[in-house]
Amino acid sequence: MRTDKTRLNSIARGFALCVALAFSCAPAVALEKVTYNMAWLPQGSSIGVIVAQDQGLFEKEGLDVNIVRGYGGNRTANELDQGQYEFGYVDPVSLILNRANGGHIRMVGAMNTRWPAGICFDKKRHSIKELNDLSGLSMGGGSASPVQSVVPAWLELNGKPRDFIRLLRMDPAVIDASLVEGRIDLAECWLASNRAVIQRRAAQAGVELGWIDYADFGLDAYGSGFATREELIEKNPELVRKFLRGAYAGFEFALKSPEQAAQIMVKMFPVVDPDVALQQIKEMNTLIVDQSAKEQGLGYIKPDRMRSTVQFVDKAFDLEGKVNVDDVYTNALLK
């Protein structure tokens, strides 16, 4: 009797072990793999995606997101359109130019809810408080950079001649150093991006950096957002929603804990300077929240501001109305 009972207990334990092993060996639900292109090196502008990957916010949505560096806005937009990855950090200039040339990408959520760029200068050499103070000064810009078209259009928007600033075509690699060393008067700098880098380099050289922002002088436009192909929106809208939910949850994290977000960025990308990362993230926190659209939540794209954005880019690049504002963006996937 005792033998039978022992045998039954042994069988029961064996059965339980088999069940446990079966469950432990069962394949986990596969995560859907997608790639996100940052358009440049890791910086504060992509902190939402970086945090979401590190904190499992994408995994919670069933996604495995591969974050890759980019090589500029135009290239990112064109490669996104070609299907080389699913999502990208894309500025409206690059997106609109892509569509004007037959592309099919669309902005699905805002990040820089206002234009984040401005014009930087050495405060010891120049006192610039209004546009008239820019008259005749030299400004460096890449030969293929949008700055060559954006600045003249912005000056015209403010009633100034297009050559009010003397634009120079330079190797992008030397522009920041040329500003700090006094070889040029002005250079373009971006919040949550290279402004913190230039400030650090300037401080090391004993230069005090100043700036004026385009947005403070008439440029009512979006700076960047998440973009994807129309084909993906049509075939798999839920995938886009999952990515956006995870990414904006990451931005919410950075809003509440910028110091921790900076630590995460440095952990994932050890080449990043911790102080620069923190400054970029704090700057991004001022850009991601649109005070005039807080009720709609992060990412919402205001139709009037996007219309203003398209109109400005149309004029700056002589597009002659090739791109319809309704084709540039959608808010439908934020829900």
C-alpha atoms as a PDB file:
ATOM      1  CA  MET A   1       0.000   0.000   0.000  1.00  0.00           C
ATOM      2  CA  ARG A   2       2.798   2.350   0.966  1.00  0.00           C
ATOM      3  CA  THR A   3       4.590   1.312  -2.212  1.00  0.00           C
ATOM      4  CA  ASP A   4       1.533   2.132  -4.341  1.00  0.00           C
ATOM      5  CA  LYS A   5       1.172   5.511  -2.634  1.00  0.00           C
ATOM      6  CA  THR A   6       4.854   6.261  -3.164  1.00  0.00           C
ATOM      7  CA  ARG A   7       4.552   5.248  -6.801  1.00  0.00           C
ATOM      8  CA  LEU A   8       1.518   7.526  -7.289  1.00  0.00           C
ATOM      9  CA  ASN A   9       3.336  10.468  -5.670  1.00  0.00           C
ATOM     10  CA  SER A  10       6.325   9.853  -7.907  1.00  0.00           C
ATOM     11  CA  ILE A  11       4.103   9.780 -11.001  1.00  0.00           C
ATOM     12  CA  ALA A  12       2.362  12.996  -9.895  1.00  0.00           C
ATOM     13  CA  ARG A  13       5.676  14.755  -9.337  1.00  0.00           C
ATOM     14  CA  GLY A  14       6.916  13.575 -12.702  1.00  0.00           C
ATOM     15  CA  PHE A  15       3.761  14.812 -14.409  1.00  0.00           C
ATOM     16  CA  ALA A  16       4.083  18.200 -12.721  1.00  0.00           C
ATOM     17  CA  LEU A  17       7.718  18.419 -13.799  1.00  0.00           C
ATOM     18  CA  CYS A  18       6.781  17.632 -17.393  1.00  0.00           C
ATOM     19  CA  VAL A  19       4.108  20.305 -17.371  1.00  0.00           C
ATOM     20  CA  ALA A  20       6.557  22.839 -15.913  1.00  0.00           C
ATOM     21  CA  LEU A  21       9.183  21.946 -18.464  1.00  0.00           C
ATOM     22  CA  ALA A  22       6.663  22.170 -21.270  1.00  0.00           C
ATOM     23  CA  PHE A  23       5.682  25.689 -20.258  1.00  0.00           C
ATOM     24  CA  SER A  24       9.253  26.806 -19.657  1.00  0.00           C
ATOM     25  CA  CYS A  25      10.331  25.508 -23.044  1.00  0.00           C
ATOM     26  CA  ALA A  26       7.333  26.929 -24.894  1.00  0.00           C
ATOM     27  CA  PRO A  27       8.392  29.624 -27.362  1.00  0.00           C
ATOM     28  CA  ALA A  28       7.815  33.201 -26.184  1.00  0.00           C
ATOM     29  CA  VAL A  29       5.558  35.420 -28.254  1.00  0.00           C
ATOM     30  CA  ALA A  30       7.782  36.821 -30.997  1.00  0.00           C
ATOM     31  CA  LEU A  31       8.331  40.568 -30.953  1.00  0.00           C
ATOM     32  CA  GLU A  32       7.763  42.422 -34.204  1.00  0.00           C
ATOM     33  CA  LYS A  33      11.066  43.868 -35.405  1.00  0.00           C
ATOM     34  CA  VAL A  34      11.219  47.440 -36.714  1.00  0.00           C
ATOM     35  CA  THR A  35      14.008  49.966 -37.256  1.00  0.00           C
ATOM     36  CA  TYR A  36      14.053  53.630 -36.275  1.00  0.00           C
ATOM     37  CA  ASN A  37      16.522  56.072 -37.836  1.00  0.00           C
ATOM     38  CA  MET A  38      17.555  59.045 -35.654  1.00  0.00           C
ATOM     39  CA  ALA A  39      18.578  61.126 -38.718  1.00  0.00           C
ATOM     40  CA  TRP A  40      21.878  61.880 -36.995  1.00  0.00           C
ATOM     41  CA  LEU A  41      23.920  60.736 -33.993  1.00  0.00           C
ATOM     42  CA  PRO A  42      22.232  59.931 -30.652  1.00  0.00           C
ATOM     43  CA  GLN A  43      21.026  63.137 -29.056  1.00  0.00           C
ATOM     44  CA  GLY A  44      18.192  64.588 -27.010  1.00  0.00           C
ATOM     45  CA  SER A  45      15.823  64.787 -29.964  1.00  0.00           C
ATOM     46  CA  SER A  46      15.410  60.978 -29.950  1.00  0.00           C
ATOM     47  CA  ILE A  47      15.335  60.474 -26.187  1.00  0.00           C
ATOM     48  CA  GLY A  48      11.776  59.130 -26.230  1.00  0.00           C
ATOM     49  CA  VAL A  49      12.756  56.220 -28.472  1.00  0.00           C
ATOM     50  CA  ILE A  50      15.975  55.583 -26.546  1.00  0.00           C
ATOM     51  CA  VAL A  51      14.162  55.457 -23.184  1.00  0.00           C
ATOM     52  CA  ALA A  52      11.351  53.326 -24.601  1.00  0.00           C
ATOM     53  CA  GLN A  53      13.837  50.732 -25.814  1.00  0.00           C
ATOM     54  CA  ASP A  54      15.787  50.646 -22.538  1.00  0.00           C
ATOM     55  CA  GLN A  55      12.751  50.583 -20.249  1.00  0.00           C
ATOM     56  CA  GLY A  56      10.839  47.882 -22.123  1.00  0.00           C
ATOM     57  CA  LEU A  57       8.105  50.255 -23.285  1.00  0.00           C
ATOM     58  CA  PHE A  58       8.365  49.002 -26.862  1.00  0.00           C
ATOM     59  CA  GLU A  59       8.518  45.390 -25.692  1.00  0.00           C
ATOM     60  CA  LYS A  60       5.278  46.025 -23.802  1.00  0.00           C
ATOM     61  CA  GLU A  61       3.767  46.957 -27.175  1.00  0.00           C
ATOM     62  CA  GLY A  62       5.136  43.779 -28.772  1.00  0.00           C
ATOM     63  CA  LEU A  63       7.953  45.541 -30.617  1.00  0.00           C
ATOM     64  CA  ASP A  64      11.687  45.021 -30.882  1.00  0.00           C
ATOM     65  CA  VAL A  65      13.037  48.378 -32.082  1.00  0.00           C
ATOM     66  CA  ASN A  66      16.483  48.669 -33.626  1.00  0.00           C
ATOM     67  CA  ILE A  67      17.772  52.264 -33.250  1.00  0.00           C
ATOM     68  CA  VAL A  68      20.262  53.372 -35.898  1.00  0.00           C
ATOM     69  CA  ARG A  69      22.139  56.585 -36.585  1.00  0.00           C
ATOM     70  CA  GLY A  70      21.382  58.680 -39.646  1.00  0.00           C
ATOM     71  CA  TYR A  71      23.279  60.940 -42.024  1.00  0.00           C
ATOM     72  CA  GLY A  72      21.077  64.015 -42.271  1.00  0.00           C
ATOM     73  CA  GLY A  73      17.443  64.862 -42.839  1.00  0.00           C
ATOM     74  CA  ASN A  74      17.252  64.546 -46.632  1.00  0.00           C
ATOM     75  CA  ARG A  75      18.973  61.177 -46.717  1.00  0.00           C
ATOM     76  CA  THR A  76      16.820  59.894 -43.843  1.00  0.00           C
ATOM     77  CA  ALA A  77      13.605  60.955 -45.593  1.00  0.00           C
ATOM     78  CA  ASN A  78      14.632  59.389 -48.898  1.00  0.00           C
ATOM     79  CA  GLU A  79      15.820  56.122 -47.343  1.00  0.00           C
ATOM     80  CA  LEU A  80      12.606  55.915 -45.314  1.00  0.00           C
ATOM     81  CA  ASP A  81      10.620  56.354 -48.517  1.00  0.00           C
ATOM     82  CA  GLN A  82      12.655  53.544 -50.103  1.00  0.00           C
ATOM     83  CA  GLY A  83      11.660  51.177 -47.268  1.00  0.00           C
ATOM     84  CA  GLN A  84      15.088  50.813 -45.675  1.00  0.00           C
ATOM     85  CA  TYR A  85      13.453  51.149 -42.242  1.00  0.00           C
ATOM     86  CA  GLU A  86       9.980  51.606 -40.805  1.00  0.00           C
ATOM     87  CA  PHE A  87      10.262  54.878 -38.859  1.00  0.00           C
ATOM     88  CA  GLY A  88      12.450  57.951 -38.932  1.00  0.00           C
ATOM     89  CA  TYR A  89      13.081  61.289 -37.276  1.00  0.00           C
ATOM     90  CA  VAL A  90      12.210  63.580 -40.173  1.00  0.00           C
ATOM     91  CA  ASP A  91      12.099  67.362 -40.446  1.00  0.00           C
ATOM     92  CA  PRO A  92       9.322  68.951 -42.514  1.00  0.00           C
ATOM     93  CA  VAL A  93      11.714  70.414 -45.097  1.00  0.00           C
ATOM     94  CA  SER A  94      13.078  66.973 -45.956  1.00  0.00           C
ATOM     95  CA  LEU A  95       9.626  65.378 -45.860  1.00  0.00           C
ATOM     96  CA  ILE A  96       8.021  68.003 -48.101  1.00  0.00           C
ATOM     97  CA  LEU A  97      10.913  67.923 -50.584  1.00  0.00           C
ATOM     98  CA  ASN A  98      10.651  64.124 -50.679  1.00  0.00           C
ATOM     99  CA  ARG A  99       6.957  64.329 -51.514  1.00  0.00           C
ATOM    100  CA  ALA A 100       7.566  67.057 -54.099  1.00  0.00           C
ATOM    101  CA  ASN A 101       9.844  64.564 -55.849  1.00  0.00           C
ATOM    102  CA  GLY A 102       7.242  61.796 -55.849  1.00  0.00           C
ATOM    103  CA  GLY A 103       7.846  60.301 -52.393  1.00  0.00           C
ATOM    104  CA  HIS A 104       5.160  58.826 -50.141  1.00  0.00           C
ATOM    105  CA  ILE A 105       6.146  59.447 -46.523  1.00  0.00           C
ATOM    106  CA  ARG A 106       3.976  61.147 -43.970  1.00  0.00           C
ATOM    107  CA  MET A 107       4.459  62.649 -40.513  1.00  0.00           C
ATOM    108  CA  VAL A 108       2.493  60.656 -37.925  1.00  0.00           C
ATOM    109  CA  GLY A 109       3.431  62.527 -34.741  1.00  0.00           C
ATOM    110  CA  ALA A 110       5.202  65.751 -33.787  1.00  0.00           C
ATOM    111  CA  MET A 111       8.402  65.936 -31.745  1.00  0.00           C
ATOM    112  CA  ASN A 112       9.740  69.464 -32.205  1.00  0.00           C
ATOM    113  CA  THR A 113       6.413  71.242 -31.957  1.00  0.00           C
ATOM    114  CA  ARG A 114       8.087  74.525 -32.914  1.00  0.00           C
ATOM    115  CA  TRP A 115      11.064  75.241 -35.131  1.00  0.00           C
ATOM    116  CA  PRO A 116      14.047  74.432 -32.871  1.00  0.00           C
ATOM    117  CA  ALA A 117      16.772  76.175 -34.837  1.00  0.00           C
ATOM    118  CA  GLY A 118      18.320  79.568 -34.389  1.00  0.00           C
ATOM    119  CA  ILE A 119      21.366  81.602 -35.302  1.00  0.00           C
ATOM    120  CA  CYS A 120      24.305  81.436 -32.886  1.00  0.00           C
ATOM    121  CA  PHE A 121      27.025  84.048 -32.447  1.00  0.00           C
ATOM    122  CA  ASP A 122      29.889  85.079 -30.176  1.00  0.00           C
ATOM    123  CA  LYS A 123      28.479  87.571 -27.658  1.00  0.00           C
ATOM    124  CA  LYS A 124      31.880  89.212 -27.199  1.00  0.00           C
ATOM    125  CA  ARG A 125      32.085  90.017 -30.904  1.00  0.00           C
ATOM    126  CA  HIS A 126      28.461  90.845 -31.617  1.00  0.00           C
ATOM    127  CA  SER A 127      25.450  92.198 -29.738  1.00  0.00           C
ATOM    128  CA  ILE A 128      22.463  90.795 -31.593  1.00  0.00           C
ATOM    129  CA  LYS A 129      19.004  91.455 -30.235  1.00  0.00           C
ATOM    130  CA  GLU A 130      17.005  92.132 -33.381  1.00  0.00           C
ATOM    131  CA  LEU A 131      17.207  91.286 -37.065  1.00  0.00           C
ATOM    132  CA  ASN A 132      18.820  94.599 -38.032  1.00  0.00           C
ATOM    133  CA  ASP A 133      21.861  93.537 -36.001  1.00  0.00           C
ATOM    134  CA  LEU A 134      22.471  90.711 -38.513  1.00  0.00           C
ATOM    135  CA  SER A 135      23.026  93.029 -41.460  1.00  0.00           C
ATOM    136  CA  GLY A 136      26.087  92.104 -43.501  1.00  0.00           C
ATOM    137  CA  LEU A 137      27.306  89.363 -41.148  1.00  0.00           C
ATOM    138  CA  SER A 138      28.703  86.111 -42.535  1.00  0.00           C
ATOM    139  CA  MET A 139      26.965  82.800 -41.800  1.00  0.00           C
ATOM    140  CA  GLY A 140      28.330  79.355 -42.524  1.00  0.00           C
ATOM    141  CA  GLY A 141      26.183  76.580 -43.934  1.00  0.00           C
ATOM    142  CA  GLY A 142      26.739  73.301 -45.735  1.00  0.00           C
ATOM    143  CA  SER A 143      26.656  73.602 -49.508  1.00  0.00           C
ATOM    144  CA  ALA A 144      23.665  71.258 -49.699  1.00  0.00           C
ATOM    145  CA  SER A 145      22.122  72.318 -46.388  1.00  0.00           C
ATOM    146  CA  PRO A 146      18.537  73.619 -46.217  1.00  0.00           C
ATOM    147  CA  VAL A 147      19.971  76.669 -44.430  1.00  0.00           C
ATOM    148  CA  GLN A 148      20.912  78.030 -47.864  1.00  0.00           C
ATOM    149  CA  SER A 149      17.210  78.282 -48.745  1.00  0.00           C
ATOM    150  CA  VAL A 150      15.615  78.618 -45.302  1.00  0.00           C
ATOM    151  CA  VAL A 151      17.527  81.712 -44.145  1.00  0.00           C
ATOM    152  CA  PRO A 152      16.778  83.849 -47.236  1.00  0.00           C
ATOM    153  CA  ALA A 153      13.085  82.882 -47.057  1.00  0.00           C
ATOM    154  CA  TRP A 154      13.020  83.664 -43.319  1.00  0.00           C
ATOM    155  CA  LEU A 155      14.642  87.061 -43.930  1.00  0.00           C
ATOM    156  CA  GLU A 156      12.086  87.809 -46.634  1.00  0.00           C
ATOM    157  CA  LEU A 157       9.324  86.776 -44.234  1.00  0.00           C
ATOM    158  CA  ASN A 158      10.578  89.534 -41.954  1.00  0.00           C
ATOM    159  CA  GLY A 159      10.747  92.177 -44.686  1.00  0.00           C
ATOM    160  CA  LYS A 160      14.518  91.921 -45.221  1.00  0.00           C
ATOM    161  CA  PRO A 161      16.317  91.306 -48.515  1.00  0.00           C
ATOM    162  CA  ARG A 162      17.373  87.715 -49.113  1.00  0.00           C
ATOM    163  CA  ASP A 163      21.061  88.696 -49.037  1.00  0.00           C
ATOM    164  CA  PHE A 164      20.751  90.606 -45.737  1.00  0.00           C
ATOM    165  CA  ILE A 165      23.024  87.913 -44.243  1.00  0.00           C
ATOM    166  CA  ARG A 166      26.061  86.835 -46.267  1.00  0.00           C
ATOM    167  CA  LEU A 167      25.651  83.067 -46.585  1.00  0.00           C
ATOM    168  CA  LEU A 168      28.796  81.021 -47.126  1.00  0.00           C
ATOM    169  CA  ARG A 169      28.947  77.446 -48.436  1.00  0.00           C
ATOM    170  CA  MET A 170      31.240  75.441 -46.168  1.00  0.00           C
ATOM    171  CA  ASP A 171      32.146  71.913 -45.200  1.00  0.00           C
ATOM    172  CA  PRO A 172      29.664  71.092 -42.395  1.00  0.00           C
ATOM    173  CA  ALA A 173      32.490  69.531 -40.365  1.00  0.00           C
ATOM    174  CA  VAL A 174      34.224  72.900 -39.866  1.00  0.00           C
ATOM    175  CA  ILE A 175      31.282  75.268 -39.344  1.00  0.00           C
ATOM    176  CA  ASP A 176      31.029  75.051 -35.550  1.00  0.00           C
ATOM    177  CA  ALA A 177      34.788  75.397 -35.099  1.00  0.00           C
ATOM    178  CA  SER A 178      34.831  78.336 -37.506  1.00  0.00           C
ATOM    179  CA  LEU A 179      32.235  80.125 -35.394  1.00  0.00           C
ATOM    180  CA  VAL A 180      34.104  79.533 -32.135  1.00  0.00           C
ATOM    181  CA  GLU A 181      37.398  80.598 -33.714  1.00  0.00           C
ATOM    182  CA  GLY A 182      35.884  83.780 -35.168  1.00  0.00           C
ATOM    183  CA  ARG A 183      36.323  82.933 -38.857  1.00  0.00           C
ATOM    184  CA  ILE A 184      32.576  83.392 -39.421  1.00  0.00           C
ATOM    185  CA  ASP A 185      30.073  85.547 -37.547  1.00  0.00           C
ATOM    186  CA  LEU A 186      27.084  83.224 -37.432  1.00  0.00           C
ATOM    187  CA  ALA A 187      26.161  79.552 -37.524  1.00  0.00           C
ATOM    188  CA  GLU A 188      22.895  77.665 -37.298  1.00  0.00           C
ATOM    189  CA  CYS A 189      22.306  75.849 -34.023  1.00  0.00           C
ATOM    190  CA  TRP A 190      19.494  73.543 -32.964  1.00  0.00           C
ATOM    191  CA  LEU A 191      17.902  72.906 -29.593  1.00  0.00           C
ATOM    192  CA  ALA A 192      18.168  69.282 -28.406  1.00  0.00           C
ATOM    193  CA  SER A 193      20.937  68.851 -30.954  1.00  0.00           C
ATOM    194  CA  ASN A 194      24.102  70.789 -31.778  1.00  0.00           C
ATOM    195  CA  ARG A 195      23.467  73.909 -29.667  1.00  0.00           C
ATOM    196  CA  ALA A 196      24.630  72.147 -26.517  1.00  0.00           C
ATOM    197  CA  VAL A 197      27.691  70.834 -28.381  1.00  0.00           C
ATOM    198  CA  ILE A 198      28.643  74.298 -29.675  1.00  0.00           C
ATOM    199  CA  GLN A 199      28.089  75.827 -26.231  1.00  0.00           C
ATOM    200  CA  ARG A 200      30.454  73.308 -24.684  1.00  0.00           C
ATOM    201  CA  ARG A 201      33.119  73.890 -27.335  1.00  0.00           C
ATOM    202  CA  ALA A 202      32.693  77.661 -27.020  1.00  0.00           C
ATOM    203  CA  ALA A 203      33.014  77.585 -23.217  1.00  0.00           C
ATOM    204  CA  GLN A 204      36.247  75.604 -23.488  1.00  0.00           C
ATOM    205  CA  ALA A 205      37.604  78.335 -25.784  1.00  0.00           C
ATOM    206  CA  GLY A 206      36.457  81.174 -23.527  1.00  0.00           C
ATOM    207  CA  VAL A 207      33.668  82.171 -25.921  1.00  0.00           C
ATOM    208  CA  GLU A 208      30.185  83.066 -24.669  1.00  0.00           C
ATOM    209  CA  LEU A 209      27.558  81.852 -27.096  1.00  0.00           C
ATOM    210  CA  GLY A 210      24.419  83.846 -27.837  1.00  0.00           C
ATOM    211  CA  TRP A 211      21.568  83.160 -30.237  1.00  0.00           C
ATOM    212  CA  ILE A 212      18.278  84.295 -31.680  1.00  0.00           C
ATOM    213  CA  ASP A 213      15.604  81.781 -32.651  1.00  0.00           C
ATOM    214  CA  TYR A 214      13.818  81.751 -36.001  1.00  0.00           C
ATOM    215  CA  ALA A 215      10.573  81.003 -34.160  1.00  0.00           C
ATOM    216  CA  ASP A 216      10.824  84.313 -32.282  1.00  0.00           C
ATOM    217  CA  PHE A 217      10.889  86.159 -35.598  1.00  0.00           C
ATOM    218  CA  GLY A 218       7.882  84.984 -37.556  1.00  0.00           C
ATOM    219  CA  LEU A 219       8.631  81.337 -38.354  1.00  0.00           C
ATOM    220  CA  ASP A 220       5.573  79.418 -37.128  1.00  0.00           C
ATOM    221  CA  ALA A 221       6.527  75.909 -38.218  1.00  0.00           C
ATOM    222  CA  TYR A 222       7.099  72.382 -36.969  1.00  0.00           C
ATOM    223  CA  GLY A 223      10.684  71.265 -36.512  1.00  0.00           C
ATOM    224  CA  SER A 224      10.454  67.491 -36.815  1.00  0.00           C
ATOM    225  CA  GLY A 225       8.355  64.445 -36.139  1.00  0.00           C
ATOM    226  CA  PHE A 226       8.001  60.705 -36.520  1.00  0.00           C
ATOM    227  CA  ALA A 227       7.489  59.734 -40.137  1.00  0.00           C
ATOM    228  CA  THR A 228       6.723  56.529 -41.974  1.00  0.00           C
ATOM    229  CA  ARG A 229       5.596  55.340 -45.393  1.00  0.00           C
ATOM    230  CA  GLU A 230       1.982  55.588 -46.482  1.00  0.00           C
ATOM    231  CA  GLU A 231       2.156  51.917 -47.448  1.00  0.00           C
ATOM    232  CA  LEU A 232       2.844  50.944 -43.830  1.00  0.00           C
ATOM    233  CA  ILE A 233       0.060  53.216 -42.576  1.00  0.00           C
ATOM    234  CA  GLU A 234      -2.404  51.537 -44.941  1.00  0.00           C
ATOM    235  CA  LYS A 235      -1.289  47.928 -44.442  1.00  0.00           C
ATOM    236  CA  ASN A 236      -0.415  47.905 -40.739  1.00  0.00           C
ATOM    237  CA  PRO A 237      -1.762  50.965 -38.895  1.00  0.00           C
ATOM    238  CA  GLU A 238      -1.683  49.112 -35.563  1.00  0.00           C
ATOM    239  CA  LEU A 239       2.087  48.690 -35.873  1.00  0.00           C
ATOM    240  CA  VAL A 240       2.425  52.470 -36.242  1.00  0.00           C
ATOM    241  CA  ARG A 241       0.180  53.019 -33.216  1.00  0.00           C
ATOM    242  CA  LYS A 242       2.264  50.626 -31.120  1.00  0.00           C
ATOM    243  CA  PHE A 243       5.480  52.422 -32.046  1.00  0.00           C
ATOM    244  CA  LEU A 244       4.009  55.833 -31.266  1.00  0.00           C
ATOM    245  CA  ARG A 245       2.570  54.683 -27.927  1.00  0.00           C
ATOM    246  CA  GLY A 246       5.948  53.324 -26.860  1.00  0.00           C
ATOM    247  CA  ALA A 247       7.913  56.343 -28.089  1.00  0.00           C
ATOM    248  CA  TYR A 248       5.676  58.946 -26.463  1.00  0.00           C
ATOM    249  CA  ALA A 249       5.674  56.947 -23.231  1.00  0.00           C
ATOM    250  CA  GLY A 250       9.463  57.308 -23.425  1.00  0.00           C
ATOM    251  CA  PHE A 251       9.133  61.065 -23.832  1.00  0.00           C
ATOM    252  CA  GLU A 252       6.794  61.167 -20.821  1.00  0.00           C
ATOM    253  CA  PHE A 253       9.494  59.392 -18.813  1.00  0.00           C
ATOM    254  CA  ALA A 254      12.101  61.964 -19.918  1.00  0.00           C
ATOM    255  CA  LEU A 255       9.776  64.824 -18.987  1.00  0.00           C
ATOM    256  CA  LYS A 256       9.478  63.504 -15.441  1.00  0.00           C
ATOM    257  CA  SER A 257      13.055  62.262 -14.997  1.00  0.00           C
ATOM    258  CA  PRO A 258      15.494  64.060 -17.340  1.00  0.00           C
ATOM    259  CA  GLU A 259      18.538  63.090 -15.261  1.00  0.00           C
ATOM    260  CA  GLN A 260      17.643  59.402 -15.388  1.00  0.00           C
ATOM    261  CA  ALA A 261      16.890  59.693 -19.100  1.00  0.00           C
ATOM    262  CA  ALA A 262      20.371  61.158 -19.636  1.00  0.00           C
ATOM    263  CA  GLN A 263      21.904  58.223 -17.751  1.00  0.00           C
ATOM    264  CA  ILE A 264      19.996  55.834 -20.012  1.00  0.00           C
ATOM    265  CA  MET A 265      21.278  57.588 -23.128  1.00  0.00           C
ATOM    266  CA  VAL A 266      24.883  57.420 -21.934  1.00  0.00           C
ATOM    267  CA  LYS A 267      24.451  53.751 -20.988  1.00  0.00           C
ATOM    268  CA  MET A 268      23.135  52.895 -24.447  1.00  0.00           C
ATOM    269  CA  PHE A 269      25.572  55.184 -26.268  1.00  0.00           C
ATOM    270  CA  PRO A 270      28.749  55.566 -24.150  1.00  0.00           C
ATOM    271  CA  VAL A 271      30.297  58.073 -26.593  1.00  0.00           C
ATOM    272  CA  VAL A 272      27.700  60.674 -25.537  1.00  0.00           C
ATOM    273  CA  ASP A 273      28.858  63.336 -23.076  1.00  0.00           C
ATOM    274  CA  PRO A 274      26.618  63.178 -19.951  1.00  0.00           C
ATOM    275  CA  ASP A 275      26.353  66.956 -19.528  1.00  0.00           C
ATOM    276  CA  VAL A 276      25.545  67.517 -23.198  1.00  0.00           C
ATOM    277  CA  ALA A 277      22.959  64.719 -23.082  1.00  0.00           C
ATOM    278  CA  LEU A 278      21.209  66.249 -20.068  1.00  0.00           C
ATOM    279  CA  GLN A 279      21.091  69.694 -21.647  1.00  0.00           C
ATOM    280  CA  GLN A 280      19.731  68.286 -24.905  1.00  0.00           C
ATOM    281  CA  ILE A 281      17.038  66.339 -23.058  1.00  0.00           C
ATOM    282  CA  LYS A 282      15.961  69.381 -21.050  1.00  0.00           C
ATOM    283  CA  GLU A 283      15.762  71.357 -24.289  1.00  0.00           C
ATOM    284  CA  MET A 284      13.760  68.555 -25.906  1.00  0.00           C
ATOM    285  CA  ASN A 285      11.346  68.680 -22.995  1.00  0.00           C
ATOM    286  CA  THR A 286      10.513  72.285 -23.940  1.00  0.00           C
ATOM    287  CA  LEU A 287       9.894  71.245 -27.553  1.00  0.00           C
ATOM    288  CA  ILE A 288       7.871  68.045 -27.171  1.00  0.00           C
ATOM    289  CA  VAL A 289       5.078  69.743 -25.215  1.00  0.00           C
ATOM    290  CA  ASP A 290       2.898  72.081 -27.268  1.00  0.00           C
ATOM    291  CA  GLN A 291       1.308  74.415 -24.745  1.00  0.00           C
ATOM    292  CA  SER A 292      -1.421  75.319 -27.241  1.00  0.00           C
ATOM    293  CA  ALA A 293      -2.386  71.655 -27.778  1.00  0.00           C
ATOM    294  CA  LYS A 294      -1.843  70.044 -24.362  1.00  0.00           C
ATOM    295  CA  GLU A 295      -5.367  68.617 -24.262  1.00  0.00           C
ATOM    296  CA  GLN A 296      -4.667  66.551 -27.391  1.00  0.00           C
ATOM    297  CA  GLY A 297      -1.569  64.974 -25.830  1.00  0.00           C
ATOM    298  CA  LEU A 298       1.993  64.502 -27.031  1.00  0.00           C
ATOM    299  CA  GLY A 299       2.518  64.237 -30.764  1.00  0.00           C
ATOM    300  CA  TYR A 300      -0.590  66.094 -31.908  1.00  0.00           C
ATOM    301  CA  ILE A 301      -0.029  68.087 -35.108  1.00  0.00           C
ATOM    302  CA  LYS A 302      -2.005  71.325 -35.362  1.00  0.00           C
ATOM    303  CA  PRO A 303      -3.482  71.809 -38.847  1.00  0.00           C
ATOM    304  CA  ASP A 304      -2.864  75.572 -38.890  1.00  0.00           C
ATOM    305  CA  ARG A 305       0.803  75.249 -37.912  1.00  0.00           C
ATOM    306  CA  MET A 306       1.390  72.474 -40.430  1.00  0.00           C
ATOM    307  CA  ARG A 307      -0.259  74.627 -43.098  1.00  0.00           C
ATOM    308  CA  SER A 308       2.101  77.470 -42.176  1.00  0.00           C
ATOM    309  CA  THR A 309       5.013  75.007 -42.325  1.00  0.00           C
ATOM    310  CA  VAL A 310       4.132  73.776 -45.816  1.00  0.00           C
ATOM    311  CA  GLN A 311       3.614  77.327 -47.070  1.00  0.00           C
ATOM    312  CA  PHE A 312       7.022  78.407 -45.779  1.00  0.00           C
ATOM    313  CA  VAL A 313       8.842  75.424 -47.286  1.00  0.00           C
ATOM    314  CA  ASP A 314       6.944  75.889 -50.559  1.00  0.00           C
ATOM    315  CA  LYS A 315       8.169  79.475 -50.790  1.00  0.00           C
ATOM    316  CA  ALA A 316      11.727  78.733 -49.626  1.00  0.00           C
ATOM    317  CA  PHE A 317      12.243  76.028 -52.258  1.00  0.00           C
ATOM    318  CA  ASP A 318      10.007  77.360 -55.066  1.00  0.00           C
ATOM    319  CA  LEU A 319       7.793  74.267 -55.053  1.00  0.00           C
ATOM    320  CA  GLU A 320       4.852  76.103 -56.660  1.00  0.00           C
ATOM    321  CA  GLY A 321       2.208  74.279 -54.635  1.00  0.00           C
ATOM    322  CA  LYS A 322       3.315  70.750 -55.579  1.00  0.00           C
ATOM    323  CA  VAL A 323       2.635  69.432 -52.061  1.00  0.00           C
ATOM    324  CA  ASN A 324      -0.806  69.477 -50.460  1.00  0.00           C
ATOM    325  CA  VAL A 325      -0.778  70.033 -46.687  1.00  0.00           C
ATOM    326  CA  ASP A 326      -3.271  67.181 -46.135  1.00  0.00           C
ATOM    327  CA  ASP A 327      -0.798  64.733 -47.692  1.00  0.00           C
ATOM    328  CA  VAL A 328       2.026  65.681 -45.323  1.00  0.00           C
ATOM    329  CA  TYR A 329       0.683  64.446 -41.973  1.00  0.00           C
ATOM    330  CA  THR A 330      -1.993  62.583 -40.035  1.00  0.00           C
ATOM    331  CA  ASN A 331      -3.084  62.558 -36.403  1.00  0.00           C
ATOM    332  CA  ALA A 332      -5.202  59.426 -36.818  1.00  0.00           C
ATOM    333  CA  LEU A 333      -2.536  57.032 -35.492  1.00  0.00           C
ATOM    334  CA  LEU A 334      -2.084  58.813 -32.181  1.00  0.00           C
ATOM    335  CA  LYS A 335      -5.414  57.369 -30.984  1.00  0.00           C
END
